[in-house]
Every structure is written in C-alpha cells, then in structure tokens.
C-alpha cells in the first residue's frame, strides 16, 4: 500500500465521519445538511478511489489522477460561481490537484 493511498483513504474517512468539522476548518458558515452530504459524497469518492488503486499498476493510478484533475477543475469552477461555497470548493480543488499530482509520480 502506497503512502498516497493511505493518505487518500484517511482523508476520505475523515470527510465521511466528521463533515461538519471539515466544513468548519475552511471557515464556511454553511454546515447545513446539504453541505454535509456533499462532503460525505466527496469523502466516499476518495475512499473508493483509494481502494480501487491499492496495489494496482500504473495505469490505475493514472486513471485516478485523471479523476482527481477533473474534480479539481470542476471544484475550481464551482468556487468561482458560488461565492458562498468558495472556501470548501477551493480547498477540495487544491487537495484533489495535490492528490492527482501524487498519482502521476
């Protein structure tokens, strides 16, 4: 198991388990049910991606990087369009960008 897979798995579990804390950490005023559900869904994506890429070859990690980069781009656009979600969307974009860059290594 690679270090990046462990980090991704742990990050996803934290998002699922304590979504309000994740939202509070980026200084958002929106800890609504909808916001928490979105964070949990994103956490589930990271958990699934960590499980799918564990012990797999380079092609799986490159595909994972593609998923991360797509998410990073869509979250960046969302941050620009929805000012009230700018903090969480920007953080999500940067985390996915970093994880995607790690997958390419």
N, C-alpha and C. Protein backbone atom coordinates (compact mmCIF):
# COMPACT_ATOMS: atom_id res chain seq x y z
N UNK A 1 0.85 -1.17 0.00
CA UNK A 1 0.00 0.00 0.00
C UNK A 1 0.89 1.23 0.00
N UNK A 2 0.65 2.11 -0.94
CA UNK A 2 1.44 3.33 -1.04
C UNK A 2 0.98 4.37 -0.03
N UNK A 3 1.90 5.25 0.31
CA UNK A 3 1.61 6.32 1.25
C UNK A 3 0.43 7.17 0.77
N UNK A 4 0.40 7.49 -0.52
CA UNK A 4 -0.68 8.32 -1.07
C UNK A 4 -2.05 7.65 -0.90
N UNK A 5 -2.09 6.34 -1.06
CA UNK A 5 -3.35 5.62 -0.89
C UNK A 5 -3.82 5.69 0.56
N UNK A 6 -2.90 5.61 1.49
CA UNK A 6 -3.24 5.70 2.91
C UNK A 6 -3.76 7.10 3.23
N UNK A 7 -3.08 8.11 2.71
CA UNK A 7 -3.50 9.50 2.94
C UNK A 7 -4.90 9.71 2.36
N UNK A 8 -5.11 9.25 1.14
CA UNK A 8 -6.42 9.42 0.50
C UNK A 8 -7.51 8.70 1.28
N UNK A 9 -7.23 7.48 1.71
CA UNK A 9 -8.20 6.71 2.47
C UNK A 9 -8.54 7.41 3.78
N UNK A 10 -7.53 7.86 4.49
CA UNK A 10 -7.76 8.56 5.76
C UNK A 10 -8.54 9.86 5.54
N UNK A 11 -8.18 10.60 4.52
CA UNK A 11 -8.87 11.85 4.20
C UNK A 11 -10.36 11.58 3.91
N UNK A 12 -10.61 10.57 3.10
CA UNK A 12 -12.00 10.22 2.79
C UNK A 12 -12.79 9.81 4.01
N UNK A 13 -12.18 9.02 4.88
CA UNK A 13 -12.86 8.58 6.10
C UNK A 13 -13.18 9.77 7.00
N UNK A 14 -12.25 10.70 7.11
CA UNK A 14 -12.50 11.92 7.92
C UNK A 14 -13.66 12.71 7.33
N UNK A 15 -13.69 12.87 6.02
CA UNK A 15 -14.79 13.62 5.40
C UNK A 15 -16.14 12.95 5.64
N UNK A 16 -16.16 11.63 5.62
CA UNK A 16 -17.40 10.90 5.86
C UNK A 16 -17.81 10.99 7.33
N UNK A 17 -16.83 10.81 8.22
CA UNK A 17 -17.13 10.73 9.65
C UNK A 17 -17.47 12.07 10.28
N UNK A 18 -16.76 13.11 9.91
CA UNK A 18 -16.96 14.43 10.54
C UNK A 18 -17.03 15.54 9.50
N UNK A 19 -18.06 15.52 8.67
CA UNK A 19 -18.14 16.52 7.60
C UNK A 19 -18.26 17.95 8.13
N UNK A 20 -18.93 18.14 9.25
CA UNK A 20 -19.07 19.50 9.81
C UNK A 20 -17.71 20.05 10.21
N UNK A 21 -16.86 19.22 10.77
CA UNK A 21 -15.52 19.67 11.16
C UNK A 21 -14.72 20.06 9.92
N UNK A 22 -14.87 19.29 8.84
CA UNK A 22 -14.17 19.63 7.60
C UNK A 22 -14.66 20.98 7.06
N UNK A 23 -15.97 21.20 7.14
CA UNK A 23 -16.52 22.48 6.68
C UNK A 23 -16.06 23.63 7.58
N UNK A 24 -16.08 23.40 8.88
CA UNK A 24 -15.65 24.44 9.82
C UNK A 24 -14.18 24.80 9.64
N UNK A 25 -13.37 23.83 9.21
CA UNK A 25 -11.93 24.07 9.07
C UNK A 25 -11.61 25.03 7.93
N UNK A 26 -12.56 25.23 7.02
CA UNK A 26 -12.33 26.18 5.92
C UNK A 26 -13.17 27.44 6.11
N UNK A 27 -13.59 27.67 7.35
CA UNK A 27 -14.26 28.91 7.75
C UNK A 27 -15.51 29.22 6.93
N UNK A 28 -16.32 28.20 6.70
CA UNK A 28 -17.57 28.43 6.00
C UNK A 28 -18.69 28.56 7.02
N UNK A 29 -19.67 29.35 6.69
CA UNK A 29 -20.83 29.49 7.56
C UNK A 29 -21.87 28.41 7.29
N UNK A 30 -21.66 27.65 6.22
CA UNK A 30 -22.65 26.68 5.80
C UNK A 30 -22.27 25.28 6.24
N UNK A 31 -22.86 24.85 7.34
CA UNK A 31 -22.68 23.49 7.80
C UNK A 31 -24.04 22.79 7.72
N UNK A 32 -24.80 23.15 6.69
CA UNK A 32 -26.14 22.62 6.51
C UNK A 32 -26.11 21.13 6.17
N UNK A 33 -27.28 20.54 6.19
CA UNK A 33 -27.41 19.13 5.84
C UNK A 33 -26.91 18.89 4.42
N UNK A 34 -27.25 19.77 3.50
CA UNK A 34 -26.80 19.62 2.11
C UNK A 34 -25.29 19.68 2.03
N UNK A 35 -24.69 20.65 2.70
CA UNK A 35 -23.22 20.78 2.68
C UNK A 35 -22.57 19.53 3.26
N UNK A 36 -23.09 19.04 4.36
CA UNK A 36 -22.51 17.84 4.97
C UNK A 36 -22.66 16.63 4.06
N UNK A 37 -23.77 16.53 3.36
CA UNK A 37 -23.95 15.41 2.42
C UNK A 37 -22.96 15.48 1.27
N UNK A 38 -22.75 16.68 0.75
CA UNK A 38 -21.79 16.85 -0.34
C UNK A 38 -20.39 16.43 0.13
N UNK A 39 -20.01 16.86 1.32
CA UNK A 39 -18.69 16.50 1.86
C UNK A 39 -18.60 14.98 2.05
N UNK A 40 -19.65 14.35 2.52
CA UNK A 40 -19.63 12.88 2.70
C UNK A 40 -19.51 12.17 1.35
N UNK A 41 -20.20 12.67 0.34
CA UNK A 41 -20.10 12.07 -1.00
C UNK A 41 -18.68 12.19 -1.53
N UNK A 42 -18.07 13.35 -1.35
CA UNK A 42 -16.69 13.53 -1.79
C UNK A 42 -15.75 12.62 -1.00
N UNK A 43 -16.02 12.45 0.29
CA UNK A 43 -15.23 11.53 1.10
C UNK A 43 -15.35 10.11 0.58
N UNK A 44 -16.57 9.71 0.23
CA UNK A 44 -16.79 8.37 -0.31
C UNK A 44 -16.02 8.17 -1.62
N UNK A 45 -15.97 9.21 -2.43
CA UNK A 45 -15.20 9.13 -3.69
C UNK A 45 -13.74 8.84 -3.39
N UNK A 46 -13.19 9.53 -2.40
CA UNK A 46 -11.78 9.31 -2.05
C UNK A 46 -11.56 7.91 -1.49
N UNK A 47 -12.48 7.42 -0.67
CA UNK A 47 -12.34 6.06 -0.12
C UNK A 47 -12.39 5.03 -1.26
N UNK A 48 -13.35 5.16 -2.14
CA UNK A 48 -13.46 4.22 -3.26
C UNK A 48 -12.22 4.28 -4.14
N UNK A 49 -11.75 5.49 -4.43
CA UNK A 49 -10.57 5.62 -5.27
C UNK A 49 -9.34 5.01 -4.60
N UNK A 50 -9.20 5.19 -3.30
CA UNK A 50 -8.07 4.59 -2.58
C UNK A 50 -8.13 3.07 -2.66
N UNK A 51 -9.31 2.51 -2.48
CA UNK A 51 -9.48 1.05 -2.52
C UNK A 51 -9.21 0.52 -3.92
N UNK A 52 -9.73 1.21 -4.93
CA UNK A 52 -9.56 0.76 -6.32
C UNK A 52 -8.10 0.79 -6.74
N UNK A 53 -7.36 1.79 -6.30
CA UNK A 53 -5.96 1.91 -6.75
C UNK A 53 -4.97 1.14 -5.89
N UNK A 54 -5.39 0.65 -4.73
CA UNK A 54 -4.47 -0.08 -3.84
C UNK A 54 -3.85 -1.28 -4.53
N UNK A 55 -2.55 -1.27 -4.57
CA UNK A 55 -1.84 -2.42 -5.13
C UNK A 55 -1.99 -2.60 -6.62
N UNK A 56 -2.55 -1.63 -7.28
CA UNK A 56 -2.75 -1.75 -8.73
C UNK A 56 -1.59 -1.10 -9.47
N UNK A 57 -1.56 -1.35 -10.75
CA UNK A 57 -0.48 -0.85 -11.60
C UNK A 57 -0.61 0.63 -11.93
N UNK A 58 0.37 1.07 -12.67
CA UNK A 58 0.49 2.49 -13.05
C UNK A 58 -0.75 3.02 -13.77
N UNK A 59 -1.34 2.22 -14.63
CA UNK A 59 -2.50 2.69 -15.41
C UNK A 59 -3.66 3.06 -14.49
N UNK A 60 -3.84 2.32 -13.41
CA UNK A 60 -4.91 2.62 -12.46
C UNK A 60 -4.65 3.95 -11.76
N UNK A 61 -3.39 4.20 -11.43
CA UNK A 61 -3.04 5.46 -10.77
C UNK A 61 -3.16 6.64 -11.74
N UNK A 62 -2.84 6.40 -12.99
CA UNK A 62 -3.02 7.47 -13.98
C UNK A 62 -4.50 7.78 -14.18
N UNK A 63 -5.33 6.75 -14.19
CA UNK A 63 -6.77 6.98 -14.29
C UNK A 63 -7.27 7.74 -13.05
N UNK A 64 -6.75 7.37 -11.88
CA UNK A 64 -7.10 8.09 -10.66
C UNK A 64 -6.68 9.54 -10.72
N UNK A 65 -5.51 9.79 -11.30
CA UNK A 65 -5.05 11.17 -11.47
C UNK A 65 -6.00 11.94 -12.38
N UNK A 66 -6.50 11.28 -13.41
CA UNK A 66 -7.47 11.93 -14.29
C UNK A 66 -8.74 12.31 -13.56
N UNK A 67 -9.22 11.40 -12.71
CA UNK A 67 -10.41 11.69 -11.90
C UNK A 67 -10.14 12.87 -10.98
N UNK A 68 -8.97 12.87 -10.35
CA UNK A 68 -8.60 13.97 -9.45
C UNK A 68 -8.54 15.31 -10.19
N UNK A 69 -7.93 15.30 -11.36
CA UNK A 69 -7.80 16.55 -12.11
C UNK A 69 -9.15 17.05 -12.62
N UNK A 70 -10.04 16.13 -13.00
CA UNK A 70 -11.40 16.54 -13.37
C UNK A 70 -12.12 17.16 -12.17
N UNK A 71 -11.97 16.53 -11.02
CA UNK A 71 -12.61 17.07 -9.82
C UNK A 71 -12.02 18.44 -9.47
N UNK A 72 -10.70 18.55 -9.55
CA UNK A 72 -10.05 19.82 -9.22
C UNK A 72 -10.57 20.94 -10.11
N UNK A 73 -10.71 20.66 -11.40
CA UNK A 73 -11.23 21.66 -12.33
C UNK A 73 -12.67 22.03 -12.05
N UNK A 74 -13.51 21.04 -11.81
CA UNK A 74 -14.93 21.33 -11.56
C UNK A 74 -15.11 22.06 -10.24
N UNK A 75 -14.32 21.70 -9.23
CA UNK A 75 -14.41 22.39 -7.94
C UNK A 75 -13.92 23.83 -8.06
N UNK A 76 -12.90 24.06 -8.88
CA UNK A 76 -12.42 25.44 -9.09
C UNK A 76 -13.49 26.29 -9.76
N UNK A 77 -14.16 25.74 -10.75
CA UNK A 77 -15.25 26.46 -11.40
C UNK A 77 -16.37 26.73 -10.40
N UNK A 78 -16.71 25.73 -9.60
CA UNK A 78 -17.75 25.89 -8.59
C UNK A 78 -17.39 26.99 -7.60
N UNK A 79 -16.12 27.07 -7.23
CA UNK A 79 -15.65 28.11 -6.31
C UNK A 79 -15.84 29.50 -6.91
N UNK A 80 -15.67 29.61 -8.20
CA UNK A 80 -15.85 30.91 -8.86
C UNK A 80 -17.31 31.29 -9.01
N UNK A 81 -18.15 30.29 -9.24
CA UNK A 81 -19.57 30.55 -9.50
C UNK A 81 -20.38 30.73 -8.22
N UNK A 82 -20.02 30.03 -7.17
CA UNK A 82 -20.77 30.04 -5.91
C UNK A 82 -19.93 30.65 -4.79
N UNK A 83 -19.98 31.95 -4.60
CA UNK A 83 -19.15 32.59 -3.58
C UNK A 83 -19.35 32.03 -2.17
N UNK A 84 -20.57 31.60 -1.84
CA UNK A 84 -20.82 31.08 -0.50
C UNK A 84 -20.13 29.73 -0.26
N UNK A 85 -19.73 29.06 -1.31
CA UNK A 85 -19.03 27.78 -1.21
C UNK A 85 -17.56 27.90 -1.62
N UNK A 86 -17.09 29.12 -1.79
CA UNK A 86 -15.74 29.34 -2.31
C UNK A 86 -14.67 28.64 -1.47
N UNK A 87 -14.72 28.78 -0.15
CA UNK A 87 -13.70 28.16 0.71
C UNK A 87 -13.64 26.65 0.57
N UNK A 88 -14.76 25.96 0.81
CA UNK A 88 -14.72 24.49 0.70
C UNK A 88 -14.39 24.01 -0.71
N UNK A 89 -14.92 24.68 -1.72
CA UNK A 89 -14.65 24.25 -3.10
C UNK A 89 -13.18 24.47 -3.47
N UNK A 90 -12.61 25.57 -3.03
CA UNK A 90 -11.20 25.84 -3.31
C UNK A 90 -10.31 24.82 -2.62
N UNK A 91 -10.61 24.51 -1.37
CA UNK A 91 -9.82 23.51 -0.64
C UNK A 91 -9.95 22.14 -1.32
N UNK A 92 -11.16 21.77 -1.69
CA UNK A 92 -11.38 20.50 -2.37
C UNK A 92 -10.61 20.45 -3.68
N UNK A 93 -10.60 21.54 -4.41
CA UNK A 93 -9.88 21.62 -5.67
C UNK A 93 -8.37 21.44 -5.44
N UNK A 94 -7.84 22.14 -4.46
CA UNK A 94 -6.39 22.06 -4.20
C UNK A 94 -5.98 20.67 -3.70
N UNK A 95 -6.81 20.07 -2.84
CA UNK A 95 -6.49 18.73 -2.34
C UNK A 95 -6.51 17.73 -3.50
N UNK A 96 -7.52 17.81 -4.36
CA UNK A 96 -7.59 16.89 -5.49
C UNK A 96 -6.44 17.13 -6.47
N UNK A 97 -6.05 18.37 -6.64
CA UNK A 97 -4.92 18.68 -7.51
C UNK A 97 -3.64 18.06 -6.93
N UNK A 98 -3.43 18.20 -5.64
CA UNK A 98 -2.25 17.62 -5.00
C UNK A 98 -2.26 16.09 -5.07
N UNK A 99 -3.42 15.48 -4.80
CA UNK A 99 -3.51 14.02 -4.87
C UNK A 99 -3.31 13.53 -6.31
N UNK A 100 -3.88 14.26 -7.25
CA UNK A 100 -3.69 13.90 -8.67
C UNK A 100 -2.24 13.99 -9.09
N UNK A 101 -1.56 15.03 -8.64
CA UNK A 101 -0.12 15.15 -8.94
C UNK A 101 0.65 14.00 -8.31
N UNK A 102 0.26 13.60 -7.12
CA UNK A 102 0.91 12.47 -6.47
C UNK A 102 0.68 11.16 -7.20
N UNK A 103 -0.47 11.01 -7.79
CA UNK A 103 -0.78 9.79 -8.55
C UNK A 103 0.08 9.66 -9.81
N UNK A 104 0.46 10.77 -10.37
CA UNK A 104 1.24 10.76 -11.60
C UNK A 104 2.68 10.32 -11.33
N UNK A 105 3.18 10.54 -10.13
CA UNK A 105 4.57 10.20 -9.79
C UNK A 105 4.87 8.75 -10.01
